[in-house]
N, C-alpha and C. Protein backbone atom coordinates (compact mmCIF):
# COMPACT_ATOMS: atom_id res chain seq x y z
N MET A 1 -1.36 5.34 -7.73
CA MET A 1 -0.75 6.48 -6.87
C MET A 1 0.74 6.21 -6.90
N GLU A 2 1.13 5.39 -6.50
CA GLU A 2 2.59 5.09 -6.52
C GLU A 2 3.19 5.43 -7.92
N GLU A 3 2.87 5.44 -8.77
CA GLU A 3 3.26 5.88 -10.04
C GLU A 3 3.50 7.26 -10.14
N LEU A 4 2.39 8.19 -9.85
CA LEU A 4 2.14 9.39 -9.82
C LEU A 4 3.36 9.93 -8.95
N GLU A 5 3.52 9.39 -7.43
CA GLU A 5 4.58 9.46 -6.62
C GLU A 5 6.17 9.49 -7.34
N LEU A 6 6.07 8.30 -8.31
CA LEU A 6 7.58 8.25 -8.71
C LEU A 6 7.83 9.04 -9.89
N ARG A 7 6.71 9.27 -10.64
CA ARG A 7 6.75 10.34 -11.71
C ARG A 7 7.14 11.58 -11.20
N LEU A 8 6.99 12.40 -10.10
CA LEU A 8 6.77 13.44 -9.43
C LEU A 8 8.52 13.33 -8.89
N THR A 9 8.83 12.47 -8.33
CA THR A 9 10.18 11.97 -7.86
C THR A 9 11.40 12.47 -8.95
N GLN A 10 11.12 11.90 -9.96
CA GLN A 10 11.93 12.11 -11.60
C GLN A 10 12.23 13.22 -11.64
N LEU A 11 11.34 14.16 -11.18
CA LEU A 11 11.20 15.76 -11.22
C LEU A 11 11.88 16.27 -10.12
N GLY A 12 11.91 15.82 -9.36
CA GLY A 12 12.66 16.43 -8.06
C GLY A 12 11.48 16.91 -7.24
N LEU A 13 10.23 16.76 -7.16
CA LEU A 13 8.97 17.68 -6.76
C LEU A 13 8.76 16.77 -5.55
N TYR A 14 9.15 15.71 -5.52
CA TYR A 14 8.69 14.65 -4.13
C TYR A 14 9.65 13.87 -3.82
N THR A 15 10.50 13.84 -2.41
CA THR A 15 11.24 13.57 -2.10
C THR A 15 10.70 12.28 -0.98
N ARG A 16 9.71 12.33 -0.93
CA ARG A 16 9.22 11.00 0.52
C ARG A 16 9.30 9.99 -0.36
N GLU A 17 9.23 8.61 0.45
CA GLU A 17 8.93 7.46 -0.01
C GLU A 17 7.47 7.12 -0.68
N ALA A 18 7.70 6.74 -1.47
CA ALA A 18 6.53 6.46 -2.46
C ALA A 18 5.44 5.10 -1.89
N ARG A 19 4.20 5.87 -1.07
CA ARG A 19 3.69 4.30 -0.53
C ARG A 19 2.31 4.05 -0.89
N GLY A 20 2.11 5.31 -2.31
CA GLY A 20 0.52 4.75 -3.00
C GLY A 20 -0.66 5.69 -2.20
N ASN A 21 -0.20 6.66 -1.32
CA ASN A 21 -1.16 7.33 -0.99
C ASN A 21 -1.38 8.97 -1.52
N TYR A 22 -2.60 9.55 -1.90
CA TYR A 22 -2.64 10.85 -2.03
C TYR A 22 -2.53 11.76 -0.90
N ASN A 23 -1.70 11.98 -0.01
CA ASN A 23 -1.43 12.72 0.92
C ASN A 23 -1.06 14.27 0.57
N GLU A 24 -1.04 14.85 1.72
CA GLU A 24 -0.38 16.52 1.70
C GLU A 24 0.91 16.56 0.78
N GLY A 25 1.73 15.60 1.18
CA GLY A 25 3.05 15.63 0.19
C GLY A 25 2.69 15.55 -1.34
N VAL A 26 2.09 14.67 -1.74
CA VAL A 26 1.63 14.26 -3.25
C VAL A 26 0.97 15.40 -3.56
N GLU A 27 -0.27 15.95 -2.96
CA GLU A 27 -0.81 17.18 -3.24
C GLU A 27 -0.09 18.68 -3.51
N ASP A 28 0.71 18.77 -2.68
CA ASP A 28 1.55 19.90 -2.83
C ASP A 28 2.66 19.42 -4.16
N ALA A 29 3.20 18.75 -4.06
CA ALA A 29 3.81 18.35 -5.49
C ALA A 29 3.08 18.42 -6.86
N VAL A 30 2.12 17.88 -6.89
CA VAL A 30 1.30 18.33 -7.92
C VAL A 30 1.02 19.72 -8.11
N ALA A 31 0.79 20.45 -7.11
CA ALA A 31 0.17 21.81 -7.06
C ALA A 31 1.42 22.75 -7.70
N ARG A 32 2.55 22.04 -7.23
CA ARG A 32 3.88 22.93 -7.80
C ARG A 32 3.82 22.57 -9.34
N TYR A 33 3.99 21.29 -9.32
CA TYR A 33 4.08 20.72 -11.00
C TYR A 33 3.04 21.57 -11.57
N GLN A 34 1.71 21.79 -11.33
CA GLN A 34 1.15 22.59 -11.91
C GLN A 34 1.26 24.00 -12.32
N TRP A 35 1.67 24.60 -11.21
CA TRP A 35 1.90 26.07 -11.10
C TRP A 35 3.41 26.56 -12.45
N ALA A 36 4.40 25.65 -12.16
CA ALA A 36 5.59 25.65 -12.88
C ALA A 36 5.39 25.45 -14.24
N ARG A 37 4.34 24.34 -14.52
CA ARG A 37 4.10 24.18 -16.03
C ARG A 37 2.82 24.98 -16.90
N GLY A 38 2.55 25.81 -16.04
CA GLY A 38 1.15 26.77 -16.52
C GLY A 38 -0.36 25.97 -16.48
N ILE A 39 -0.25 24.68 -15.88
CA ILE A 39 -1.34 24.19 -15.90
C ILE A 39 -2.53 24.72 -14.98
N GLN A 40 -3.49 25.12 -15.57
CA GLN A 40 -4.80 25.97 -14.98
C GLN A 40 -5.82 24.99 -14.42
N PRO A 41 -5.60 24.28 -13.42
CA PRO A 41 -6.82 23.18 -13.14
C PRO A 41 -7.90 24.12 -12.38
N GLU A 42 -9.10 23.30 -12.16
CA GLU A 42 -10.04 24.06 -11.48
C GLU A 42 -9.44 24.15 -10.16
N GLU A 43 -8.80 23.16 -9.57
CA GLU A 43 -7.98 23.44 -8.18
C GLU A 43 -6.80 22.90 -8.12
N TYR A 44 -5.76 23.62 -7.71
CA TYR A 44 -4.44 23.28 -7.83
C TYR A 44 -4.48 22.29 -6.53
N GLY A 45 -3.51 21.02 -6.87
CA GLY A 45 -3.03 19.87 -6.25
C GLY A 45 -4.12 18.74 -6.63
N VAL A 46 -5.12 19.18 -7.42
CA VAL A 46 -6.13 18.06 -7.97
C VAL A 46 -5.29 17.35 -9.24
N TYR A 47 -5.14 16.17 -9.39
CA TYR A 47 -4.21 15.34 -10.16
C TYR A 47 -5.45 15.01 -11.27
N ASP A 48 -5.66 16.05 -12.57
CA ASP A 48 -6.57 16.05 -13.47
C ASP A 48 -6.14 15.32 -14.79
N LEU A 49 -6.75 14.95 -15.62
CA LEU A 49 -6.29 14.51 -17.17
C LEU A 49 -5.23 15.20 -17.55
N ALA A 50 -5.41 16.58 -17.66
CA ALA A 50 -4.09 17.28 -18.24
C ALA A 50 -2.81 17.52 -17.56
N THR A 51 -3.18 17.28 -16.43
CA THR A 51 -1.98 17.34 -15.72
C THR A 51 -1.34 15.72 -15.60
N ARG A 52 -1.83 14.88 -15.88
CA ARG A 52 -1.46 13.54 -15.99
C ARG A 52 -0.72 13.47 -17.35
N GLU A 53 -1.68 13.81 -18.40
CA GLU A 53 -0.91 13.79 -19.80
C GLU A 53 0.57 14.55 -19.71
N MET A 54 0.44 15.78 -18.93
CA MET A 54 1.66 16.23 -19.52
C MET A 54 2.92 15.55 -18.66
N LEU A 55 2.73 15.16 -17.49
CA LEU A 55 3.57 14.55 -16.43
C LEU A 55 4.15 13.47 -17.29
N GLU A 56 3.20 12.58 -17.67
CA GLU A 56 3.62 11.26 -18.49
C GLU A 56 4.44 11.42 -19.47
N SER A 57 4.29 12.92 -20.21
CA SER A 57 4.74 12.93 -21.29
C SER A 57 6.24 13.53 -21.17
N GLU A 58 6.73 13.71 -19.96
CA GLU A 58 7.93 14.18 -19.77
C GLU A 58 8.82 13.22 -18.64
N THR A 59 8.07 12.24 -18.29
CA THR A 59 8.82 11.16 -17.46
C THR A 59 8.56 9.72 -17.96
N THR A 60 9.44 8.90 -17.63
CA THR A 60 9.46 7.65 -17.60
C THR A 60 8.51 6.75 -16.61
N GLU A 61 8.00 5.91 -17.30
CA GLU A 61 7.27 4.71 -16.76
C GLU A 61 8.24 4.01 -15.56
N PRO A 62 7.93 4.49 -14.25
CA PRO A 62 8.51 3.81 -13.36
C PRO A 62 8.66 2.38 -13.39
C-alpha cells in the first residue's frame, strides 16, 4: 500500500505521509486519478487492476 501512496505522490495526487494504509485520503487520490485518466471502474476509489497498470506505466517504482 505504501507503494501506491508514493506513486500517487509522484503525480501530485497524494500529499500526506505514506503509511501503508488505504485510508480516505488514498481512496480520494485513486478516485481523482481514475477520473482524470478516463478509467471507468465499477466503483471510483477502488484500486483495481486497470488502475494499477496505468499508474505503474506512468510512474517510477519508489
